[in-house]
Amino acid sequence: MVPKQPRSGLVALSSEFVVLAGTKGLFKKNRLTIKSDKSADLIDYAKKTGNEPFLFIGEVINEKHWMYCIN
């Protein structure tokens, strides 16, 4: 899910949140929406819609079955 772009073509997303979902095999189908761009809401959404392992980029988190990547 990428925020609406004001221009066509490639644009920088330096201050935007982007949720990227990738799957291997089957995935869960649902009609959930992300409540906000807060880390806890993003993690909750991923747990309800995805499968382990999970990866969070840009912030250190302490969640079971999650890996994080910063810098």
Protein backbone atom coordinates (compact mmCIF):
# COMPACT_ATOMS: atom_id res chain seq x y z
CA MET A 1 0.00 0.00 0.00
CA VAL A 2 1.60 3.20 -1.14
CA PRO A 3 0.30 6.68 -0.33
CA LYS A 4 -1.38 8.56 -3.20
CA GLN A 5 1.22 10.20 -5.40
CA PRO A 6 0.87 13.88 -6.31
CA ARG A 7 2.83 13.37 -9.56
CA SER A 8 3.27 10.60 -12.08
CA GLY A 9 6.56 8.73 -12.37
CA LEU A 10 9.07 8.03 -9.61
CA VAL A 11 8.95 10.23 -6.52
CA ALA A 12 10.78 10.17 -3.18
CA LEU A 13 8.86 8.77 -0.21
CA SER A 14 11.27 9.97 2.46
CA SER A 15 8.61 11.02 4.97
CA GLU A 16 5.87 8.51 4.12
CA PHE A 17 5.02 5.12 5.61
CA VAL A 18 4.89 2.24 3.15
CA VAL A 19 3.50 -1.19 3.99
CA LEU A 20 4.93 -3.96 1.85
CA ALA A 21 3.45 -7.43 2.07
CA GLY A 22 5.15 -10.45 0.58
CA THR A 23 4.12 -14.07 0.87
CA LYS A 24 5.54 -17.48 0.27
CA GLY A 25 2.80 -19.96 -0.42
CA LEU A 26 -0.70 -19.30 0.84
CA PHE A 27 -1.76 -16.01 2.34
CA LYS A 28 -4.69 -14.97 4.52
CA LYS A 29 -7.57 -13.23 2.75
CA ASN A 30 -9.40 -10.59 4.75
CA ARG A 31 -10.88 -7.11 4.67
CA LEU A 32 -8.91 -5.53 7.52
CA THR A 33 -7.62 -1.99 7.35
CA ILE A 34 -4.62 -0.45 9.06
CA LYS A 35 -5.80 1.71 11.97
CA SER A 36 -2.88 4.18 11.87
CA ASP A 37 0.79 4.55 11.01
CA LYS A 38 1.82 3.79 14.61
CA SER A 39 4.15 0.81 15.03
CA ALA A 40 1.74 -1.10 17.29
CA ASP A 41 -1.07 -0.80 14.71
CA LEU A 42 1.21 -1.88 11.84
CA ILE A 43 2.40 -4.89 13.85
CA ASP A 44 -1.18 -5.83 14.77
CA TYR A 45 -2.25 -5.61 11.12
CA ALA A 46 0.66 -7.77 9.97
CA LYS A 47 -0.06 -10.44 12.59
CA LYS A 48 -3.72 -10.62 11.52
CA THR A 49 -3.03 -10.69 7.78
CA GLY A 50 0.35 -12.38 7.37
CA ASN A 51 2.44 -15.37 8.32
CA GLU A 52 5.72 -15.63 10.23
CA PRO A 53 8.49 -14.62 9.94
CA PHE A 54 7.83 -10.88 10.15
CA LEU A 55 10.25 -8.04 9.36
CA PHE A 56 9.93 -4.45 10.61
CA ILE A 57 12.17 -1.90 8.92
CA GLY A 58 13.23 1.40 10.44
CA GLU A 59 12.65 0.87 14.15
CA VAL A 60 13.83 -1.41 16.94
CA ILE A 61 10.91 -3.50 18.22
CA ASN A 62 10.58 -6.21 20.86
CA GLU A 63 7.97 -8.54 19.41
CA LYS A 64 8.10 -12.34 19.42
CA HIS A 65 8.63 -13.83 15.93
CA TRP A 66 9.72 -10.48 14.49
CA MET A 67 13.04 -9.29 13.12
CA TYR A 68 13.87 -5.65 12.66
CA CYS A 69 16.24 -3.77 10.39
CA ILE A 70 17.53 -0.23 10.97
CA ASN A 71 19.89 1.97 8.99
